[in-house]
Amino acid sequence: MLICVNPCRYNLIIMNVRSAKISDAKAIYSLINFYAEQDKMLFRSMADIYKNLQAFTVAELDGKVVGCCALEIIWSDLAEIKSLAVDEANTEKGIGKMLVSSATEQACQLGVQRVFALTLKPDFFEKLGFEIVEKEKLPMKVWSDCAKCPKQQNCDEIAVLKIVS
């Protein structure tokens, strides 16, 4: 459990960042696909979310899932932060930062040396210690997922990378 204080309002916010459960799947689906409908991230089906549920971490506020993030191992030294989404009503509370920190900590515990994300908001990740890199520096990602992506020919995402161990 994480406790945050909103410095502008001096409100105490009790945030629980934890591994996802089966009961979180619908909330994860809603968060991701809300942004996918705005072309800000890729859609994920319920089947895909259930299949990859063990990779997800969620942020819970007052018993409600308000954020999610997945960590997918790509190769022996590389993992990807995927499907990072925060409920629109709860942005600017540090929830995304907590989810990314949790994912990078998990990667470090697993012995993964590098963590990357493909994002439309590289400045967010840069504030967390990631650096912008060329996608070509991530050949295992390009080989495995990008070839199947509907945006492959017109990818607008920027690759960011962080060394974690």
Protein backbone atom coordinates (compact mmCIF):
# COMPACT_ATOMS: atom_id res chain seq x y z
CA MET A 1 0.00 0.00 0.00
CA LEU A 2 1.28 3.44 -0.89
CA ILE A 3 0.19 6.62 0.80
CA CYS A 4 0.50 9.86 -1.15
CA VAL A 5 -0.20 13.39 -0.10
CA ASN A 6 -1.53 15.78 -2.69
CA PRO A 7 0.62 18.88 -2.00
CA CYS A 8 -1.88 21.29 -3.55
CA ARG A 9 -4.81 20.22 -1.45
CA TYR A 10 -3.10 18.38 1.42
CA ASN A 11 -5.39 15.44 0.85
CA LEU A 12 -4.28 12.03 1.98
CA ILE A 13 -4.59 9.51 -0.86
CA ILE A 14 -4.30 5.84 -0.02
CA MET A 15 -3.26 3.95 -3.13
CA ASN A 16 -2.85 0.21 -3.33
CA VAL A 17 -0.56 -1.02 -6.14
CA ARG A 18 -0.82 -4.79 -6.48
CA SER A 19 -0.83 -7.73 -8.85
CA ALA A 20 -4.00 -8.03 -10.90
CA LYS A 21 -6.73 -10.52 -10.03
CA ILE A 22 -9.38 -12.16 -12.20
CA SER A 23 -11.91 -9.70 -10.81
CA ASP A 24 -9.83 -6.80 -12.25
CA ALA A 25 -9.98 -7.97 -15.88
CA LYS A 26 -13.06 -5.91 -16.84
CA ALA A 27 -11.61 -2.74 -15.29
CA ILE A 28 -8.29 -3.32 -17.09
CA TYR A 29 -10.17 -3.85 -20.36
CA SER A 30 -12.15 -0.63 -19.86
CA LEU A 31 -9.06 1.45 -19.01
CA ILE A 32 -7.03 0.22 -21.98
CA ASN A 33 -9.80 0.38 -24.53
CA PHE A 34 -10.90 3.86 -23.41
CA TYR A 35 -7.52 5.13 -24.63
CA ALA A 36 -7.46 2.77 -27.62
CA GLU A 37 -10.70 4.33 -28.86
CA GLN A 38 -8.82 7.66 -28.90
CA ASP A 39 -5.95 6.03 -30.83
CA LYS A 40 -3.61 6.56 -27.86
CA MET A 41 -2.84 2.86 -27.37
CA LEU A 42 -3.58 -0.48 -28.95
CA PHE A 43 -6.79 -2.38 -28.21
CA ARG A 44 -6.60 -5.53 -26.11
CA SER A 45 -9.35 -8.12 -26.12
CA MET A 46 -10.75 -9.65 -22.93
CA ALA A 47 -9.21 -12.96 -24.02
CA ASP A 48 -5.80 -11.28 -24.30
CA ILE A 49 -6.19 -9.64 -20.89
CA TYR A 50 -7.12 -12.95 -19.24
CA LYS A 51 -4.27 -14.72 -21.03
CA ASN A 52 -1.76 -12.12 -19.79
CA LEU A 53 -3.36 -11.26 -16.44
CA GLN A 54 -0.30 -12.41 -14.48
CA ALA A 55 1.74 -9.69 -16.20
CA PHE A 56 -0.57 -6.90 -14.98
CA THR A 57 -0.25 -4.65 -11.97
CA VAL A 58 -3.15 -2.44 -10.96
CA ALA A 59 -3.53 0.71 -8.89
CA GLU A 60 -6.54 0.72 -6.63
CA LEU A 61 -8.05 3.81 -5.04
CA ASP A 62 -10.96 3.47 -2.60
CA GLY A 63 -11.46 -0.12 -3.77
CA LYS A 64 -11.67 0.85 -7.46
CA VAL A 65 -9.07 -0.01 -10.11
CA VAL A 66 -7.89 3.35 -11.46
CA GLY A 67 -4.76 2.29 -13.32
CA CYS A 68 -3.04 -0.67 -14.91
CA CYS A 69 0.27 -1.64 -16.41
CA ALA A 70 1.74 -4.88 -17.76
CA LEU A 71 5.34 -6.07 -17.80
CA GLU A 72 6.12 -8.51 -20.60
CA ILE A 73 9.43 -10.32 -20.82
CA ILE A 74 10.69 -10.05 -24.40
CA TRP A 75 14.10 -11.70 -24.08
CA SER A 76 16.66 -12.68 -21.44
CA ASP A 77 17.72 -9.07 -20.89
CA LEU A 78 14.70 -7.12 -22.12
CA ALA A 79 11.17 -6.44 -20.85
CA GLU A 80 8.44 -4.12 -22.05
CA ILE A 81 6.05 -1.94 -20.10
CA LYS A 82 2.73 -2.27 -21.92
CA SER A 83 -0.84 -1.11 -21.53
CA LEU A 84 -0.10 1.67 -19.07
CA ALA A 85 -3.43 3.39 -18.48
CA VAL A 86 -4.80 5.61 -15.73
CA ASP A 87 -8.45 6.55 -15.30
CA GLU A 88 -8.95 9.98 -16.81
CA ALA A 89 -10.46 11.33 -13.56
CA ASN A 90 -7.35 10.28 -11.64
CA THR A 91 -4.51 11.64 -13.73
CA GLU A 92 -1.90 13.92 -12.16
CA LYS A 93 -1.91 11.90 -8.92
CA GLY A 94 1.29 9.97 -9.57
CA ILE A 95 -0.53 6.74 -10.38
CA GLY A 96 1.29 6.19 -13.68
CA LYS A 97 4.62 6.83 -11.96
CA MET A 98 3.79 4.27 -9.26
CA LEU A 99 2.80 1.67 -11.85
CA VAL A 100 5.98 2.18 -13.90
CA SER A 101 8.11 2.06 -10.73
CA SER A 102 6.43 -1.19 -9.74
CA ALA A 103 7.06 -2.66 -13.20
CA THR A 104 10.74 -1.65 -13.25
CA GLU A 105 11.20 -3.04 -9.74
CA GLN A 106 9.59 -6.31 -10.85
CA ALA A 107 11.93 -6.46 -13.87
CA CYS A 108 14.93 -5.89 -11.63
CA GLN A 109 13.80 -8.68 -9.27
CA LEU A 110 13.48 -11.01 -12.26
CA GLY A 111 17.02 -10.17 -13.36
CA VAL A 112 16.01 -8.29 -16.50
CA GLN A 113 18.59 -5.63 -17.31
CA ARG A 114 16.64 -3.34 -19.65
CA VAL A 115 13.04 -2.15 -19.66
CA PHE A 116 11.46 -0.27 -22.54
CA ALA A 117 8.13 1.15 -23.60
CA LEU A 118 6.65 2.38 -26.85
CA THR A 119 4.80 5.57 -26.04
CA LEU A 120 3.18 8.72 -27.32
CA LYS A 121 4.36 10.52 -24.15
CA PRO A 122 8.14 10.11 -23.98
CA ASP A 123 8.50 13.08 -21.61
CA PHE A 124 6.58 11.13 -18.93
CA PHE A 125 9.06 8.26 -19.15
CA GLU A 126 12.08 10.58 -19.36
CA LYS A 127 11.10 12.03 -15.97
CA LEU A 128 11.35 8.45 -14.65
CA GLY A 129 14.88 7.89 -15.96
CA PHE A 130 14.13 6.43 -19.38
CA GLU A 131 15.97 7.60 -22.49
CA ILE A 132 14.61 7.89 -26.02
CA VAL A 133 16.13 5.24 -28.32
CA GLU A 134 15.69 4.16 -31.92
CA LYS A 135 13.23 1.28 -32.29
CA GLU A 136 15.90 -0.58 -34.23
CA LYS A 137 17.78 -0.98 -30.92
CA LEU A 138 14.96 -3.30 -29.84
CA PRO A 139 15.16 -6.02 -32.51
CA MET A 140 13.42 -8.68 -30.40
CA LYS A 141 10.38 -6.41 -30.01
CA VAL A 142 10.28 -5.49 -33.68
CA TRP A 143 10.64 -9.15 -34.62
CA SER A 144 7.97 -10.41 -32.22
CA ASP A 145 5.18 -7.83 -31.99
CA CYS A 146 5.63 -4.92 -34.37
CA ALA A 147 5.30 -7.18 -37.40
CA LYS A 148 1.70 -7.91 -36.30
CA CYS A 149 0.76 -4.35 -35.35
CA PRO A 150 -1.90 -2.53 -37.43
CA LYS A 151 0.21 0.66 -37.15
CA GLN A 152 3.36 -1.04 -38.41
CA GLN A 153 3.77 1.11 -41.52
CA ASN A 154 2.83 4.37 -39.78
CA CYS A 155 4.01 3.86 -36.22
CA ASP A 156 3.76 7.06 -34.21
CA GLU A 157 5.14 5.66 -30.97
CA ILE A 158 8.53 6.56 -29.53
CA ALA A 159 10.77 3.98 -27.91
CA VAL A 160 12.13 4.72 -24.44
CA LEU A 161 14.59 2.52 -22.54
CA LYS A 162 15.89 2.27 -18.99
CA ILE A 163 18.70 0.15 -17.56
CA VAL A 164 17.38 -1.37 -14.32
CA SER A 165 20.08 -3.75 -13.13
